[in-house]
Amino acid sequence: MTTLHRVEGDGESAMDDERVAPDSKGVSIELLSAVDLRPVIAGMAGRQLRMHTVTIEPGGIFGPIHDHLGRPGVVYILQGTIIDHRNGAVEEHGPGPGWPEDRHTTH
C-alpha cells in the first residue's frame, strides 16, 4: 500500500508507479507543540501528543512510505490541494479536514 501527497500546481502526477515511493521533496515540517503523555495517561511513559505544520510546495512529495502504528494523527489542510494515492485510488483533498491516520494507514 503506497500513498504519496502532492500539492496541486505542476500538473504532473505525484506518482507514476505505485510500487515506487520517492523520498520527500519540497516538504518542511515545523513542530508547534508537544504534550508529555506520561502524567496524563497510565502506561504512556515516553509518548507524546504532537502538533506539526507540514508545508508541501507545489510538486512536492511526502515520502518515504511509513505507517502510523502507535502514532495516530489527523490531517487538516490550511490551503491548496493534496492528491492522495492509496490502494490504487486517487482522492483530492482541499482546504478543511483531510483524513485520519490510524493503525491502518500506510502511506
N, C-alpha and C. Protein backbone atom coordinates (compact mmCIF):
# COMPACT_ATOMS: atom_id res chain seq x y z
N MET A 1 0.85 -1.15 0.00
CA MET A 1 0.00 0.00 0.00
C MET A 1 0.91 1.22 0.00
N THR A 2 0.67 2.18 -0.87
CA THR A 2 1.52 3.35 -1.00
C THR A 2 0.66 4.60 -1.13
N THR A 3 1.01 5.62 -0.40
CA THR A 3 0.34 6.90 -0.53
C THR A 3 1.39 7.98 -0.60
N LEU A 4 1.27 8.82 -1.58
CA LEU A 4 2.14 9.99 -1.67
C LEU A 4 1.23 11.20 -1.82
N HIS A 5 1.67 12.32 -1.32
CA HIS A 5 0.87 13.54 -1.36
C HIS A 5 1.57 14.58 -2.22
N ARG A 6 0.79 15.31 -2.98
CA ARG A 6 1.35 16.38 -3.81
C ARG A 6 0.42 17.56 -3.74
N VAL A 7 0.96 18.74 -3.58
CA VAL A 7 0.17 19.95 -3.66
C VAL A 7 -0.04 20.27 -5.12
N GLU A 8 -1.27 20.57 -5.49
CA GLU A 8 -1.60 20.89 -6.87
C GLU A 8 -0.75 22.06 -7.35
N GLY A 9 -0.33 21.99 -8.59
CA GLY A 9 0.38 23.14 -9.10
C GLY A 9 1.25 22.87 -10.30
N ASP A 10 1.85 21.68 -10.43
CA ASP A 10 2.75 21.47 -11.55
C ASP A 10 2.12 20.63 -12.67
N GLY A 11 0.91 20.10 -12.43
CA GLY A 11 0.23 19.37 -13.48
C GLY A 11 0.76 17.97 -13.71
N GLU A 12 1.79 17.56 -12.98
CA GLU A 12 2.34 16.22 -13.15
C GLU A 12 1.76 15.29 -12.11
N SER A 13 1.73 14.01 -12.42
CA SER A 13 1.30 13.02 -11.46
C SER A 13 2.30 12.94 -10.33
N ALA A 14 1.82 12.82 -9.09
CA ALA A 14 2.72 12.70 -7.95
C ALA A 14 3.42 11.36 -7.96
N MET A 15 2.83 10.39 -8.64
CA MET A 15 3.42 9.07 -8.64
C MET A 15 2.98 8.33 -9.88
N ASP A 16 3.92 7.93 -10.72
CA ASP A 16 3.61 7.21 -11.93
C ASP A 16 3.52 5.71 -11.70
N ASP A 17 4.25 5.19 -10.70
CA ASP A 17 4.32 3.77 -10.45
C ASP A 17 4.12 3.55 -8.96
N GLU A 18 2.97 2.97 -8.54
CA GLU A 18 2.67 2.83 -7.14
C GLU A 18 3.61 1.90 -6.40
N ARG A 19 4.51 1.21 -7.09
CA ARG A 19 5.49 0.37 -6.41
C ARG A 19 6.72 1.17 -6.01
N VAL A 20 6.80 2.40 -6.46
CA VAL A 20 7.96 3.24 -6.18
C VAL A 20 7.52 4.35 -5.23
N ALA A 21 8.29 4.58 -4.18
CA ALA A 21 7.97 5.64 -3.22
C ALA A 21 9.19 6.52 -3.03
N PRO A 22 9.25 7.63 -3.73
CA PRO A 22 10.40 8.52 -3.62
C PRO A 22 10.50 9.16 -2.24
N ASP A 23 11.68 9.64 -1.92
CA ASP A 23 11.87 10.40 -0.69
C ASP A 23 11.13 11.72 -0.78
N SER A 24 11.00 12.37 0.37
CA SER A 24 10.34 13.68 0.39
C SER A 24 11.08 14.68 -0.49
N LYS A 25 10.29 15.55 -1.08
CA LYS A 25 10.82 16.62 -1.93
C LYS A 25 9.91 17.82 -1.75
N GLY A 26 10.48 18.98 -1.43
CA GLY A 26 9.67 20.19 -1.28
C GLY A 26 8.79 20.17 -0.05
N VAL A 27 9.26 19.53 1.04
CA VAL A 27 8.48 19.40 2.27
C VAL A 27 9.25 20.00 3.43
N SER A 28 8.57 20.79 4.26
CA SER A 28 9.15 21.26 5.51
C SER A 28 8.17 20.96 6.64
N ILE A 29 8.72 20.61 7.81
CA ILE A 29 7.89 20.25 8.96
C ILE A 29 8.32 21.09 10.15
N GLU A 30 7.33 21.69 10.81
CA GLU A 30 7.60 22.50 12.00
C GLU A 30 6.80 21.94 13.17
N LEU A 31 7.48 21.62 14.28
CA LEU A 31 6.81 21.18 15.50
C LEU A 31 6.22 22.41 16.18
N LEU A 32 4.90 22.42 16.38
CA LEU A 32 4.23 23.55 17.01
C LEU A 32 4.08 23.36 18.51
N SER A 33 3.82 22.12 18.94
CA SER A 33 3.59 21.87 20.35
C SER A 33 3.73 20.37 20.63
N ALA A 34 4.07 20.04 21.88
CA ALA A 34 4.15 18.64 22.29
C ALA A 34 3.69 18.54 23.74
N VAL A 35 2.96 17.46 24.06
CA VAL A 35 2.47 17.21 25.41
C VAL A 35 3.01 15.85 25.84
N ASP A 36 3.70 15.79 26.98
CA ASP A 36 4.17 14.54 27.55
C ASP A 36 2.96 13.79 28.08
N LEU A 37 2.72 12.57 27.59
CA LEU A 37 1.52 11.83 27.99
C LEU A 37 1.69 11.00 29.27
N ARG A 38 2.91 10.87 29.78
CA ARG A 38 3.12 10.04 30.98
C ARG A 38 2.27 10.50 32.16
N PRO A 39 2.25 11.80 32.49
CA PRO A 39 1.44 12.20 33.65
C PRO A 39 -0.06 12.24 33.35
N VAL A 40 -0.44 12.08 32.10
CA VAL A 40 -1.84 12.20 31.72
C VAL A 40 -2.53 10.84 31.61
N ILE A 41 -1.82 9.84 31.07
CA ILE A 41 -2.42 8.52 30.82
C ILE A 41 -1.45 7.44 31.30
N ALA A 42 -1.92 6.55 32.17
CA ALA A 42 -1.08 5.47 32.68
C ALA A 42 -0.54 4.62 31.53
N GLY A 43 0.73 4.22 31.63
CA GLY A 43 1.33 3.37 30.62
C GLY A 43 1.85 4.11 29.39
N MET A 44 1.84 5.43 29.42
CA MET A 44 2.24 6.21 28.25
C MET A 44 3.61 6.87 28.42
N ALA A 45 4.44 6.34 29.31
CA ALA A 45 5.78 6.90 29.50
C ALA A 45 6.54 6.90 28.18
N GLY A 46 7.18 8.02 27.89
CA GLY A 46 7.95 8.14 26.66
C GLY A 46 7.11 8.49 25.44
N ARG A 47 5.81 8.68 25.60
CA ARG A 47 4.93 9.01 24.47
C ARG A 47 4.52 10.47 24.54
N GLN A 48 4.31 11.08 23.38
CA GLN A 48 3.90 12.47 23.29
C GLN A 48 2.74 12.62 22.32
N LEU A 49 1.92 13.62 22.57
CA LEU A 49 0.94 14.10 21.60
C LEU A 49 1.58 15.32 20.97
N ARG A 50 1.75 15.32 19.65
CA ARG A 50 2.45 16.42 18.98
C ARG A 50 1.56 17.05 17.90
N MET A 51 1.79 18.34 17.67
CA MET A 51 1.13 19.07 16.59
C MET A 51 2.21 19.65 15.69
N HIS A 52 2.09 19.38 14.40
CA HIS A 52 3.05 19.87 13.41
C HIS A 52 2.33 20.67 12.33
N THR A 53 3.07 21.58 11.72
CA THR A 53 2.66 22.18 10.46
C THR A 53 3.56 21.56 9.40
N VAL A 54 2.95 20.93 8.40
CA VAL A 54 3.69 20.34 7.29
C VAL A 54 3.38 21.17 6.06
N THR A 55 4.41 21.71 5.44
CA THR A 55 4.23 22.50 4.22
C THR A 55 4.78 21.70 3.05
N ILE A 56 3.93 21.49 2.05
CA ILE A 56 4.33 20.77 0.84
C ILE A 56 4.25 21.76 -0.31
N GLU A 57 5.39 22.06 -0.91
CA GLU A 57 5.43 23.00 -2.02
C GLU A 57 4.75 22.40 -3.25
N PRO A 58 4.30 23.23 -4.21
CA PRO A 58 3.74 22.68 -5.45
C PRO A 58 4.72 21.68 -6.08
N GLY A 59 4.22 20.51 -6.41
CA GLY A 59 5.04 19.45 -6.98
C GLY A 59 5.76 18.63 -5.93
N GLY A 60 5.61 18.99 -4.66
CA GLY A 60 6.29 18.28 -3.58
C GLY A 60 5.69 16.91 -3.31
N ILE A 61 6.50 16.07 -2.68
CA ILE A 61 6.10 14.71 -2.34
C ILE A 61 6.47 14.45 -0.89
N PHE A 62 5.55 13.88 -0.12
CA PHE A 62 5.84 13.49 1.26
C PHE A 62 6.13 12.00 1.27
N GLY A 63 7.38 11.63 1.48
CA GLY A 63 7.79 10.22 1.48
C GLY A 63 8.87 10.04 2.52
N PRO A 64 9.47 8.92 2.67
CA PRO A 64 9.13 7.65 2.04
C PRO A 64 7.94 6.99 2.74
N ILE A 65 7.61 5.80 2.32
CA ILE A 65 6.47 5.07 2.89
C ILE A 65 6.69 4.88 4.39
N HIS A 66 5.63 5.13 5.16
CA HIS A 66 5.66 4.90 6.61
C HIS A 66 4.25 4.55 7.07
N ASP A 67 4.15 3.98 8.26
CA ASP A 67 2.83 3.66 8.81
C ASP A 67 2.58 4.51 10.06
N HIS A 68 1.42 4.33 10.65
CA HIS A 68 1.05 5.08 11.84
C HIS A 68 0.70 4.16 12.99
N LEU A 69 1.32 2.98 13.03
CA LEU A 69 1.14 2.09 14.16
C LEU A 69 1.66 2.78 15.42
N GLY A 70 0.79 2.99 16.39
CA GLY A 70 1.20 3.66 17.61
C GLY A 70 1.41 5.16 17.47
N ARG A 71 1.16 5.72 16.29
CA ARG A 71 1.34 7.16 16.05
C ARG A 71 0.15 7.69 15.27
N PRO A 72 -1.03 7.74 15.87
CA PRO A 72 -2.19 8.24 15.14
C PRO A 72 -2.07 9.74 14.89
N GLY A 73 -2.80 10.21 13.91
CA GLY A 73 -2.80 11.63 13.60
C GLY A 73 -4.05 12.01 12.83
N VAL A 74 -4.24 13.29 12.69
CA VAL A 74 -5.31 13.82 11.85
C VAL A 74 -4.69 14.89 10.96
N VAL A 75 -5.21 15.01 9.76
CA VAL A 75 -4.71 15.97 8.79
C VAL A 75 -5.77 17.05 8.59
N TYR A 76 -5.32 18.29 8.63
CA TYR A 76 -6.17 19.44 8.31
C TYR A 76 -5.42 20.27 7.30
N ILE A 77 -6.05 20.60 6.20
CA ILE A 77 -5.39 21.31 5.11
C ILE A 77 -5.77 22.80 5.20
N LEU A 78 -4.76 23.63 5.41
CA LEU A 78 -4.99 25.07 5.53
C LEU A 78 -5.26 25.72 4.18
N GLN A 79 -4.46 25.35 3.16
CA GLN A 79 -4.66 25.92 1.83
C GLN A 79 -4.08 24.98 0.79
N GLY A 80 -4.54 25.11 -0.42
CA GLY A 80 -4.06 24.27 -1.50
C GLY A 80 -4.83 22.96 -1.59
N THR A 81 -4.30 22.07 -2.39
CA THR A 81 -4.93 20.78 -2.64
C THR A 81 -3.89 19.69 -2.49
N ILE A 82 -4.24 18.63 -1.81
CA ILE A 82 -3.38 17.46 -1.69
C ILE A 82 -4.05 16.32 -2.45
N ILE A 83 -3.29 15.65 -3.28
CA ILE A 83 -3.80 14.49 -4.00
C ILE A 83 -3.23 13.25 -3.31
N ASP A 84 -4.11 12.42 -2.81
CA ASP A 84 -3.75 11.23 -2.05
C ASP A 84 -3.89 10.00 -2.93
N HIS A 85 -2.80 9.24 -3.05
CA HIS A 85 -2.79 7.99 -3.83
C HIS A 85 -2.71 6.85 -2.82
N ARG A 86 -3.75 6.02 -2.75
CA ARG A 86 -3.79 4.94 -1.78
C ARG A 86 -4.60 3.77 -2.35
N ASN A 87 -4.02 2.58 -2.32
CA ASN A 87 -4.70 1.37 -2.79
C ASN A 87 -5.20 1.49 -4.22
N GLY A 88 -4.46 2.14 -5.08
CA GLY A 88 -4.84 2.27 -6.48
C GLY A 88 -5.88 3.34 -6.75
N ALA A 89 -6.34 4.03 -5.70
CA ALA A 89 -7.33 5.09 -5.87
C ALA A 89 -6.66 6.44 -5.66
N VAL A 90 -7.23 7.46 -6.29
CA VAL A 90 -6.74 8.83 -6.15
C VAL A 90 -7.87 9.66 -5.56
N GLU A 91 -7.55 10.38 -4.50
CA GLU A 91 -8.54 11.24 -3.86
C GLU A 91 -7.93 12.61 -3.63
N GLU A 92 -8.67 13.65 -3.96
CA GLU A 92 -8.20 15.02 -3.80
C GLU A 92 -8.82 15.63 -2.56
N HIS A 93 -8.00 16.30 -1.76
CA HIS A 93 -8.46 16.95 -0.55
C HIS A 93 -8.10 18.42 -0.63
N GLY A 94 -9.07 19.28 -0.37
CA GLY A 94 -8.83 20.72 -0.39
C GLY A 94 -8.84 21.28 1.02
N PRO A 95 -8.89 22.58 1.15
CA PRO A 95 -8.87 23.17 2.48
C PRO A 95 -9.96 22.59 3.37
N GLY A 96 -9.58 22.34 4.63
CA GLY A 96 -10.50 21.78 5.61
C GLY A 96 -10.01 20.43 6.08
N PRO A 97 -10.90 19.67 6.72
CA PRO A 97 -10.50 18.35 7.23
C PRO A 97 -9.98 17.45 6.11
N GLY A 98 -8.88 16.76 6.38
CA GLY A 98 -8.29 15.84 5.40
C GLY A 98 -8.71 14.42 5.69
N TRP A 99 -7.91 13.68 6.48
CA TRP A 99 -8.19 12.28 6.78
C TRP A 99 -7.53 11.92 8.10
N PRO A 100 -8.03 10.87 8.75
CA PRO A 100 -7.36 10.38 9.95
C PRO A 100 -6.20 9.46 9.56
N GLU A 101 -5.18 9.41 10.38
CA GLU A 101 -4.06 8.49 10.21
C GLU A 101 -4.07 7.57 11.42
N ASP A 102 -4.39 6.30 11.20
CA ASP A 102 -4.50 5.35 12.30
C ASP A 102 -3.67 4.11 12.02
N ARG A 103 -3.87 3.05 12.79
CA ARG A 103 -3.07 1.84 12.65
C ARG A 103 -3.22 1.18 11.28
N HIS A 104 -4.23 1.57 10.52
CA HIS A 104 -4.45 1.01 9.19
C HIS A 104 -3.83 1.87 8.10
N THR A 105 -3.24 3.00 8.48
CA THR A 105 -2.68 3.94 7.49
C THR A 105 -1.23 3.62 7.20
N THR A 106 -0.95 3.33 5.95
CA THR A 106 0.43 3.22 5.44
C THR A 106 0.49 4.11 4.22
N HIS A 107 1.38 5.07 4.27
CA HIS A 107 1.50 5.99 3.12
C HIS A 107 2.92 6.48 3.00
